[in-house]
N, C-alpha and C. Protein backbone atom coordinates (compact mmCIF):
# COMPACT_ATOMS: atom_id res chain seq x y z
N MET A 1 1.07 -1.07 -0.18
CA MET A 1 0.27 -0.05 -0.30
C MET A 1 1.06 1.06 0.21
N LYS A 2 0.70 2.14 -0.41
CA LYS A 2 1.15 3.73 -0.69
C LYS A 2 1.46 4.26 0.59
N THR A 3 2.40 5.13 1.00
CA THR A 3 2.44 5.61 2.34
C THR A 3 2.82 7.20 1.62
N VAL A 4 2.94 8.04 3.16
CA VAL A 4 3.11 9.75 2.98
C VAL A 4 3.65 9.89 4.37
N GLN A 5 4.76 10.26 4.04
CA GLN A 5 5.93 10.68 5.35
C GLN A 5 5.46 11.48 6.13
N VAL A 6 5.23 11.65 7.49
CA VAL A 6 4.62 12.27 8.10
C VAL A 6 6.45 12.96 9.18
N SER A 7 5.89 14.40 9.38
CA SER A 7 6.84 14.92 10.70
C SER A 7 5.80 15.54 11.52
N ILE A 8 6.00 15.33 12.85
CA ILE A 8 5.36 16.15 13.63
C ILE A 8 6.57 16.84 14.34
N VAL A 9 6.13 18.53 14.46
CA VAL A 9 7.77 19.22 15.07
C VAL A 9 7.27 20.16 15.97
N THR A 10 7.77 20.29 17.21
CA THR A 10 7.55 21.53 17.89
C THR A 10 8.90 21.75 17.96
N PRO A 11 8.43 23.24 18.67
CA PRO A 11 9.83 23.91 18.76
C PRO A 11 11.01 23.74 19.54
N ASN A 12 10.72 22.20 20.55
CA ASN A 12 11.62 21.72 20.82
C ASN A 12 12.47 20.22 19.75
N GLY A 13 12.03 20.42 18.85
CA GLY A 13 12.42 19.57 17.74
C GLY A 13 11.13 18.65 17.89
N PRO A 14 11.76 17.65 16.58
CA PRO A 14 11.13 16.39 15.96
C PRO A 14 10.31 15.46 16.98
N VAL A 15 8.92 14.87 17.17
CA VAL A 15 8.03 14.43 17.99
C VAL A 15 7.73 12.91 17.11
N TYR A 16 7.59 13.49 16.06
CA TYR A 16 7.25 11.89 15.14
C TYR A 16 7.41 11.77 13.93
N GLU A 17 8.65 11.17 13.23
CA GLU A 17 8.79 10.89 11.81
C GLU A 17 8.76 9.99 11.34
N SER A 18 7.73 9.04 10.29
CA SER A 18 7.79 8.06 9.91
C SER A 18 6.50 7.95 8.27
N ASP A 19 6.82 7.00 7.64
CA ASP A 19 6.02 6.69 6.68
C ASP A 19 4.71 6.04 7.15
N VAL A 20 3.54 6.41 6.82
CA VAL A 20 2.22 6.07 7.46
C VAL A 20 1.18 5.96 6.01
N GLU A 21 0.48 4.86 6.24
CA GLU A 21 -0.75 5.10 5.13
C GLU A 21 -1.82 5.93 5.13
N MET A 22 -1.97 6.48 6.19
CA MET A 22 -3.15 7.34 6.55
C MET A 22 -2.78 8.23 7.84
N VAL A 23 -3.14 9.46 7.88
CA VAL A 23 -3.01 10.49 9.23
C VAL A 23 -4.73 10.73 9.27
N SER A 24 -5.01 10.96 10.40
CA SER A 24 -6.43 11.39 11.14
C SER A 24 -6.01 12.40 11.89
N THR A 25 -6.80 13.64 11.49
CA THR A 25 -6.85 14.42 13.03
C THR A 25 -7.85 15.18 12.79
N LYS A 26 -7.78 16.18 13.78
CA LYS A 26 -9.17 17.84 13.92
C LYS A 26 -8.18 18.71 13.64
N ALA A 27 -8.79 19.89 12.55
CA ALA A 27 -8.85 21.38 12.37
C ALA A 27 -9.95 21.51 12.63
N SER A 28 -9.45 23.06 12.73
CA SER A 28 -10.70 24.05 13.11
C SER A 28 -12.08 23.82 12.02
N THR A 29 -11.24 23.35 11.23
CA THR A 29 -13.01 23.05 10.37
C THR A 29 -13.60 21.98 10.29
N GLY A 30 -13.10 21.10 10.98
CA GLY A 30 -13.20 19.69 11.05
C GLY A 30 -12.46 18.15 11.23
N GLU A 31 -13.46 17.08 11.03
CA GLU A 31 -12.43 16.00 11.09
C GLU A 31 -11.81 16.12 9.96
N LEU A 32 -10.00 15.81 9.75
CA LEU A 32 -9.18 15.28 7.98
C LEU A 32 -8.91 13.82 8.14
N GLY A 33 -8.99 13.42 7.35
CA GLY A 33 -8.08 12.35 6.92
C GLY A 33 -7.39 12.28 5.68
N ILE A 34 -6.06 12.27 5.35
CA ILE A 34 -4.93 12.18 4.67
C ILE A 34 -4.27 11.26 4.33
N LEU A 35 -4.73 10.49 2.71
CA LEU A 35 -3.68 9.57 2.31
C LEU A 35 -3.08 9.91 1.36
N PRO A 36 -2.24 9.08 1.16
CA PRO A 36 -0.76 9.26 -0.01
C PRO A 36 -1.87 10.22 -1.09
N GLY A 37 -1.17 11.36 -1.54
CA GLY A 37 -1.70 11.72 -2.84
C GLY A 37 -2.84 12.97 -2.63
N HIS A 38 -2.63 12.86 -1.70
CA HIS A 38 -3.75 14.15 -1.39
C HIS A 38 -3.34 15.65 -1.70
N VAL A 39 -4.73 16.36 -1.90
CA VAL A 39 -4.38 17.66 -2.70
C VAL A 39 -3.70 18.57 -1.78
N PRO A 40 -2.42 19.26 -2.10
CA PRO A 40 -2.17 20.36 -1.22
C PRO A 40 -3.13 21.63 -0.31
N MET A 41 -2.97 21.39 0.74
CA MET A 41 -3.41 22.26 1.91
C MET A 41 -2.72 22.92 3.21
N VAL A 42 -3.34 23.71 3.70
CA VAL A 42 -2.78 24.16 4.78
C VAL A 42 -4.04 24.73 6.05
N ALA A 43 -3.83 23.80 7.00
CA ALA A 43 -5.17 23.94 7.84
C ALA A 43 -4.43 24.13 9.43
N PRO A 44 -5.16 25.19 10.31
CA PRO A 44 -4.97 25.49 11.79
C PRO A 44 -5.47 23.84 12.44
N LEU A 45 -5.03 23.35 13.24
CA LEU A 45 -5.41 22.21 14.23
C LEU A 45 -5.93 22.96 15.61
N GLN A 46 -6.85 22.00 15.85
CA GLN A 46 -6.88 22.08 17.87
C GLN A 46 -6.41 21.59 18.27
N ILE A 47 -6.89 21.42 19.47
CA ILE A 47 -6.11 20.10 20.84
C ILE A 47 -6.94 19.49 19.97
N GLY A 48 -6.03 18.09 20.01
CA GLY A 48 -6.67 17.09 19.79
C GLY A 48 -5.52 15.93 19.62
N VAL A 49 -6.46 14.78 19.05
CA VAL A 49 -5.51 13.64 18.86
C VAL A 49 -4.88 13.60 16.90
N VAL A 50 -3.72 13.21 17.18
CA VAL A 50 -3.27 12.53 15.69
C VAL A 50 -3.05 11.49 15.59
N ARG A 51 -3.83 10.50 14.69
CA ARG A 51 -3.87 9.23 14.58
C ARG A 51 -3.26 9.08 13.71
N LEU A 52 -2.15 8.07 13.20
CA LEU A 52 -1.25 7.81 12.25
C LEU A 52 -1.45 6.00 11.82
N LYS A 53 -2.30 5.56 10.85
CA LYS A 53 -2.31 4.74 10.59
C LYS A 53 -1.46 3.88 9.70
N ASN A 54 -0.51 2.76 9.86
CA ASN A 54 0.13 1.74 9.05
C ASN A 54 0.28 0.47 9.50
N GLY A 55 -0.54 -0.05 8.22
CA GLY A 55 -0.81 -1.57 8.39
C GLY A 55 -1.87 -1.82 9.41
N GLY A 56 -1.37 -2.90 10.38
CA GLY A 56 -2.58 -2.94 11.64
C GLY A 56 -2.20 -1.75 12.40
N ASN A 57 -0.92 -1.43 12.73
CA ASN A 57 -1.09 -0.38 14.13
C ASN A 57 -0.86 1.08 13.62
N THR A 58 -1.91 1.68 15.08
CA THR A 58 -2.42 2.98 14.69
C THR A 58 -1.29 3.78 15.93
N ASP A 59 -0.56 4.62 15.45
CA ASP A 59 0.45 5.67 16.17
C ASP A 59 -0.72 6.88 17.05
N LEU A 60 -0.78 7.62 18.16
CA LEU A 60 -1.42 8.17 19.09
C LEU A 60 -0.30 9.49 19.09
N VAL A 61 -0.65 10.42 18.69
CA VAL A 61 -0.07 11.64 19.17
C VAL A 61 -0.46 12.67 19.75
N ALA A 62 -0.90 13.20 21.00
CA ALA A 62 -1.64 14.39 21.60
C ALA A 62 -0.92 15.78 20.75
N VAL A 63 -1.66 16.77 20.51
CA VAL A 63 -1.07 17.89 20.22
C VAL A 63 -1.60 18.92 20.67
N THR A 64 -1.32 20.05 21.07
CA THR A 64 -1.96 21.22 21.59
C THR A 64 -1.97 22.49 20.28
N GLY A 65 -2.85 22.15 18.90
CA GLY A 65 -2.90 23.13 18.37
C GLY A 65 -1.34 23.27 17.35
N GLY A 66 -1.44 24.08 16.13
CA GLY A 66 -0.65 24.50 15.44
C GLY A 66 -1.01 24.25 13.97
N PHE A 67 -0.33 24.05 13.09
CA PHE A 67 -0.62 24.05 11.83
C PHE A 67 -0.37 22.46 11.43
N LEU A 68 -1.28 22.13 10.29
CA LEU A 68 -1.01 21.02 9.61
C LEU A 68 -0.49 21.47 7.86
N GLU A 69 0.23 21.19 7.32
CA GLU A 69 0.37 21.52 5.66
C GLU A 69 0.42 20.02 5.45
N VAL A 70 -0.15 19.88 3.83
CA VAL A 70 -0.31 18.47 3.48
C VAL A 70 0.27 18.56 1.68
N ARG A 71 1.28 17.93 1.71
CA ARG A 71 1.80 17.80 -0.02
C ARG A 71 1.49 16.77 -0.03
N PRO A 72 1.05 16.32 -1.70
CA PRO A 72 1.12 14.88 -1.79
C PRO A 72 2.13 13.96 -1.65
N GLU A 73 2.91 14.21 -1.06
CA GLU A 73 4.42 13.15 -0.76
C GLU A 73 4.61 13.06 0.85
N LYS A 74 4.07 14.41 1.20
CA LYS A 74 4.99 14.72 2.79
C LYS A 74 3.42 15.76 3.79
N VAL A 75 3.54 15.06 4.64
CA VAL A 75 2.72 15.79 5.88
C VAL A 75 3.24 16.20 7.05
N THR A 76 3.43 17.34 7.21
CA THR A 76 3.70 18.29 8.37
C THR A 76 3.08 18.88 9.19
N ILE A 77 3.34 18.51 10.54
CA ILE A 77 2.51 18.97 11.56
C ILE A 77 3.31 20.09 12.02
N LEU A 78 3.25 20.85 12.42
CA LEU A 78 4.06 22.25 13.16
C LEU A 78 3.09 22.81 14.67
N ALA A 79 3.30 21.80 15.75
CA ALA A 79 2.57 21.96 16.63
C ALA A 79 2.80 22.61 17.94
N GLN A 80 2.07 23.54 18.49
CA GLN A 80 3.34 24.15 19.91
C GLN A 80 3.63 23.01 20.75
N ALA A 81 2.85 22.07 20.76
CA ALA A 81 3.30 21.04 21.87
C ALA A 81 2.61 19.72 21.05
N ALA A 82 3.46 18.60 21.67
CA ALA A 82 3.69 17.39 20.84
C ALA A 82 3.66 16.14 21.79
N GLU A 83 3.09 15.35 22.16
CA GLU A 83 3.53 14.22 22.90
C GLU A 83 2.76 12.91 22.37
N SER A 84 4.07 11.73 21.78
CA SER A 84 3.57 10.49 21.70
C SER A 84 2.70 9.96 22.53
N GLN A 85 1.62 8.81 22.25
CA GLN A 85 1.29 8.39 23.63
C GLN A 85 2.21 7.80 24.69
N SER A 86 3.56 7.07 24.41
CA SER A 86 4.32 6.18 25.13
C SER A 86 5.11 7.64 25.68
N GLN A 87 5.32 8.84 25.37
CA GLN A 87 5.82 9.79 26.19
C GLN A 87 4.80 10.19 27.07
N ILE A 88 3.79 10.45 27.45
CA ILE A 88 2.91 10.96 28.51
C ILE A 88 2.96 11.02 29.56
N ASP A 89 2.94 11.46 30.41
CA ASP A 89 3.31 11.20 31.51
C ASP A 89 1.86 11.53 32.31
N ILE A 90 1.37 9.86 32.77
CA ILE A 90 0.02 10.48 32.68
C ILE A 90 -0.32 10.94 34.46
N GLU A 91 0.54 11.07 35.19
CA GLU A 91 0.36 11.67 36.74
C GLU A 91 0.78 13.27 36.49
N ARG A 92 1.22 13.87 35.60
CA ARG A 92 1.30 15.05 35.29
C ARG A 92 0.23 15.49 34.89
N ALA A 93 -0.29 15.15 33.86
CA ALA A 93 -1.34 15.22 32.93
C ALA A 93 -3.05 15.11 33.87
N LYS A 94 -2.49 14.04 34.99
CA LYS A 94 -3.98 14.31 35.96
C LYS A 94 -3.98 15.69 37.12
N GLU A 95 -2.57 15.91 37.30
CA GLU A 95 -2.47 16.94 38.04
C GLU A 95 -2.64 17.93 37.16
N ALA A 96 -2.46 18.46 36.38
CA ALA A 96 -2.72 19.42 35.24
C ALA A 96 -4.29 19.39 35.20
N ARG A 97 -4.49 18.23 34.89
CA ARG A 97 -6.02 18.43 34.95
C ARG A 97 -7.27 19.24 36.38
N THR A 98 -6.51 18.63 37.26
CA THR A 98 -6.95 18.92 38.69
C THR A 98 -6.78 20.63 38.80
N ARG A 99 -5.75 21.11 38.52
CA ARG A 99 -5.64 22.33 38.88
C ARG A 99 -6.25 23.58 38.01
N ALA A 100 -6.43 22.86 36.90
CA ALA A 100 -7.48 23.63 35.87
C ALA A 100 -8.61 23.73 36.27
N GLU A 101 -9.29 21.97 36.64
CA GLU A 101 -10.35 22.26 37.15
C GLU A 101 -11.24 23.02 38.57
N HIS A 102 -9.86 23.42 39.20
CA HIS A 102 -9.65 24.46 40.97
C HIS A 102 -9.81 25.79 40.05
N ARG A 103 -9.12 25.92 39.09
CA ARG A 103 -9.17 27.17 38.32
C ARG A 103 -10.56 27.43 37.57
N ILE A 104 -11.10 26.67 36.97
CA ILE A 104 -12.03 27.01 36.71
C ILE A 104 -13.42 27.25 37.68
N ASN A 105 -13.63 26.69 38.69
CA ASN A 105 -14.52 26.52 39.89
C ASN A 105 -14.27 27.94 40.49
N ALA A 106 -12.94 28.20 40.68
CA ALA A 106 -12.51 29.84 41.72
C ALA A 106 -12.76 30.62 40.90
N ASN A 107 -13.38 30.40 39.46
CA ASN A 107 -13.18 31.58 38.60
C ASN A 107 -14.33 33.04 38.98
N LYS A 108 -15.32 32.18 39.53
CA LYS A 108 -17.04 33.05 39.92
C LYS A 108 -16.16 33.55 41.43
N GLN A 109 -15.45 33.06 41.79
CA GLN A 109 -14.96 33.58 43.34
C GLN A 109 -13.69 34.60 43.72
N GLU A 110 -12.95 34.76 42.44
CA GLU A 110 -11.56 35.25 42.16
C GLU A 110 -11.15 35.39 40.56
N ASP A 111 -10.46 36.60 40.55
CA ASP A 111 -10.02 36.86 39.21
C ASP A 111 -9.15 36.02 38.67
N VAL A 112 -9.89 35.12 38.41
CA VAL A 112 -9.40 33.55 37.32
C VAL A 112 -9.11 33.87 35.84
N ASP A 113 -8.75 34.08 34.73
CA ASP A 113 -8.36 34.02 33.67
C ASP A 113 -9.14 32.34 33.10
N PHE A 114 -10.54 32.51 32.77
CA PHE A 114 -11.43 31.54 32.61
C PHE A 114 -10.60 30.44 31.35
N ARG A 115 -10.36 31.66 30.10
CA ARG A 115 -10.09 31.15 29.08
C ARG A 115 -9.12 30.44 29.07
N ARG A 116 -8.09 30.92 29.88
CA ARG A 116 -6.61 30.26 30.19
C ARG A 116 -7.43 28.78 30.94
N ALA A 117 -7.70 29.08 31.68
CA ALA A 117 -7.96 27.30 32.37
C ALA A 117 -8.50 26.83 31.78
N GLU A 118 -9.75 27.14 31.09
CA GLU A 118 -10.28 26.39 30.24
C GLU A 118 -9.51 25.64 28.77
N LEU A 119 -8.20 26.50 28.19
CA LEU A 119 -7.63 25.69 27.75
C LEU A 119 -6.66 24.78 28.26
N ALA A 120 -6.10 24.95 29.43
CA ALA A 120 -5.29 24.26 30.25
C ALA A 120 -5.94 22.58 30.38
N LEU A 121 -7.72 22.99 30.73
CA LEU A 121 -8.17 21.48 31.17
C LEU A 121 -8.48 21.21 29.74
N LYS A 122 -8.26 21.58 28.52
CA LYS A 122 -8.84 20.62 27.44
C LYS A 122 -7.43 20.05 26.87
N ARG A 123 -6.06 20.77 27.08
CA ARG A 123 -4.73 20.04 26.81
C ARG A 123 -4.56 18.68 28.05
N ALA A 124 -4.60 18.98 29.04
CA ALA A 124 -4.72 18.03 30.09
C ALA A 124 -5.23 16.57 29.83
N MET A 125 -6.92 17.30 29.32
CA MET A 125 -7.90 15.78 29.14
C MET A 125 -7.36 15.33 27.58
N ASN A 126 -6.60 16.01 26.57
CA ASN A 126 -6.26 15.34 25.78
C ASN A 126 -5.03 14.21 25.74
N ARG A 127 -4.31 14.79 26.81
CA ARG A 127 -3.49 13.75 27.02
C ARG A 127 -4.06 12.73 27.63
N ILE A 128 -5.09 12.61 28.62
CA ILE A 128 -5.00 11.55 29.75
C ILE A 128 -5.89 10.52 28.23
N ASN A 129 -6.72 11.28 27.46
CA ASN A 129 -7.26 10.57 26.52
C ASN A 129 -6.42 9.77 25.61
N VAL A 130 -5.66 10.65 25.14
CA VAL A 130 -4.37 9.56 24.25
C VAL A 130 -4.15 8.78 25.30
N TYR A 131 -3.46 8.69 26.57
CA TYR A 131 -2.30 7.92 27.08
C TYR A 131 -3.84 6.73 27.40
N GLU A 132 -5.10 6.74 27.83
CA GLU A 132 -5.70 5.72 28.00
C GLU A 132 -6.43 5.51 26.52
N ASN A 133 -6.01 5.98 25.37
CA ASN A 133 -6.61 5.74 23.87
C ASN A 133 -8.32 5.51 23.93
N ARG A 134 -8.32 6.78 24.50
CA ARG A 134 -10.19 7.25 24.40
C ARG A 134 -10.02 8.57 23.63
N PHE A 135 -10.49 8.51 22.60
CA PHE A 135 -10.89 9.50 21.80
C PHE A 135 -11.75 9.55 20.98
């Protein structure tokens, strides 16, 4: 089966590089499925999971937004932050979720940046869901 080269890169360096049969992720316009030979495009990504299918295996990478560039022979994801499923520190992600939930609940009582707390909660939940293979 045909494959497409995929690179997921953050400011800290590459997170994932491989040839895959299909890339599936969520852009701000909706769910995207990319196969080899896909029409060129650029799309902003939401906080979510990137599924990379090759044969019977699917690799999962949690991304915190960024951009997706598609060319017929290569897919590049430039993410603010990204972690493969095996790199996720689940305890740290659960602690981040708890902190974000406390900030959101404290929003009514204190001067808390609600949008920032909401994004922190989404990032933490995304990491937890990728780690636990729930998405």
